[in-house]
Amino acid sequence: MSSPAITTVIAMMESLPETLQEKVAEHLREYIADLEDEMKWDKSFQKTQQQLINAARRAKQEIAEGKANLLDYDQL
């Protein structure tokens, strides 16, 4: 069963000429694909967040201990 929001959007789209319905549908497909991509990245970052925190702590500790070296961009 569709939510009231989906029902409203469908009714709005049905009031448009078919050519505009196609344009709206294409925009919605792109928007939904973008949202799915964002959800994928959010999930990925959630899985690795603790690893990133640990790496940042190690880097901070190495800097404090004088073990860190400046990055030489010319050697990259």
Protein backbone atom coordinates (compact mmCIF):
# COMPACT_ATOMS: atom_id res chain seq x y z
CA MET A 1 0.00 0.00 0.00
CA SER A 2 1.30 3.42 -0.92
CA SER A 3 1.94 6.09 1.66
CA PRO A 4 -0.05 9.35 1.51
CA ALA A 5 3.08 11.12 0.22
CA ILE A 6 3.42 8.72 -2.72
CA THR A 7 -0.28 8.97 -3.47
CA THR A 8 -0.02 12.77 -3.53
CA VAL A 9 3.00 12.71 -5.87
CA ILE A 10 1.27 10.28 -8.21
CA ALA A 11 -1.84 12.46 -8.32
CA MET A 12 0.30 15.52 -9.05
CA MET A 13 2.14 13.71 -11.83
CA GLU A 14 -1.08 12.39 -13.37
CA SER A 15 -2.31 15.97 -13.73
CA LEU A 16 0.63 16.77 -16.00
CA PRO A 17 0.89 16.10 -19.73
CA GLU A 18 2.60 12.81 -20.53
CA THR A 19 5.81 14.47 -21.76
CA LEU A 20 6.18 16.27 -18.42
CA GLN A 21 5.36 13.07 -16.55
CA GLU A 22 8.33 11.44 -18.28
CA LYS A 23 10.61 14.33 -17.29
CA VAL A 24 9.45 14.20 -13.67
CA ALA A 25 9.89 10.42 -13.61
CA GLU A 26 13.44 10.75 -14.95
CA HIS A 27 14.28 13.37 -12.31
CA LEU A 28 12.83 11.11 -9.62
CA ARG A 29 14.88 8.13 -10.86
CA GLU A 30 18.06 10.21 -10.72
CA TYR A 31 17.18 11.60 -7.30
CA ILE A 32 16.40 8.15 -5.89
CA ALA A 33 19.65 6.77 -7.35
CA ASP A 34 21.55 9.60 -5.64
CA LEU A 35 19.80 8.86 -2.34
CA GLU A 36 20.65 5.16 -2.64
CA ASP A 37 24.27 6.06 -3.34
CA GLU A 38 24.36 8.31 -0.26
CA MET A 39 22.88 5.53 1.87
CA LYS A 40 25.55 3.15 0.56
CA TRP A 41 28.34 5.60 1.46
CA ASP A 42 26.81 6.29 4.90
CA LYS A 43 26.68 2.56 5.60
CA SER A 44 30.26 2.14 4.40
CA PHE A 45 31.51 4.98 6.59
CA GLN A 46 29.64 3.61 9.61
CA LYS A 47 31.43 0.29 9.17
CA THR A 48 34.86 1.94 9.03
CA GLN A 49 34.36 4.84 11.45
CA GLN A 50 36.13 3.11 14.35
CA GLN A 51 39.09 2.26 12.11
CA LEU A 52 39.33 5.91 11.05
CA ILE A 53 39.21 7.02 14.69
CA ASN A 54 41.97 4.56 15.59
CA ALA A 55 44.13 5.71 12.67
CA ALA A 56 43.67 9.35 13.68
CA ARG A 57 44.65 8.53 17.26
CA ARG A 58 47.78 6.69 16.08
CA ALA A 59 48.73 9.63 13.85
CA LYS A 60 48.20 12.09 16.68
CA GLN A 61 50.31 9.93 18.99
CA GLU A 62 53.10 9.62 16.42
CA ILE A 63 53.11 13.38 15.93
CA ALA A 64 53.31 13.91 19.70
CA GLU A 65 56.19 11.41 19.93
CA GLY A 66 58.04 13.08 17.06
CA LYS A 67 57.79 9.97 14.88
CA ALA A 68 55.83 11.63 12.08
CA ASN A 69 57.55 13.00 8.99
CA LEU A 70 56.37 15.73 6.67
CA LEU A 71 55.02 14.49 3.37
CA ASP A 72 57.30 15.28 0.45
CA TYR A 73 54.87 15.98 -2.38
CA ASP A 74 57.69 15.98 -4.93
CA GLN A 75 58.31 12.29 -4.29
CA LEU A 76 54.72 11.21 -4.85
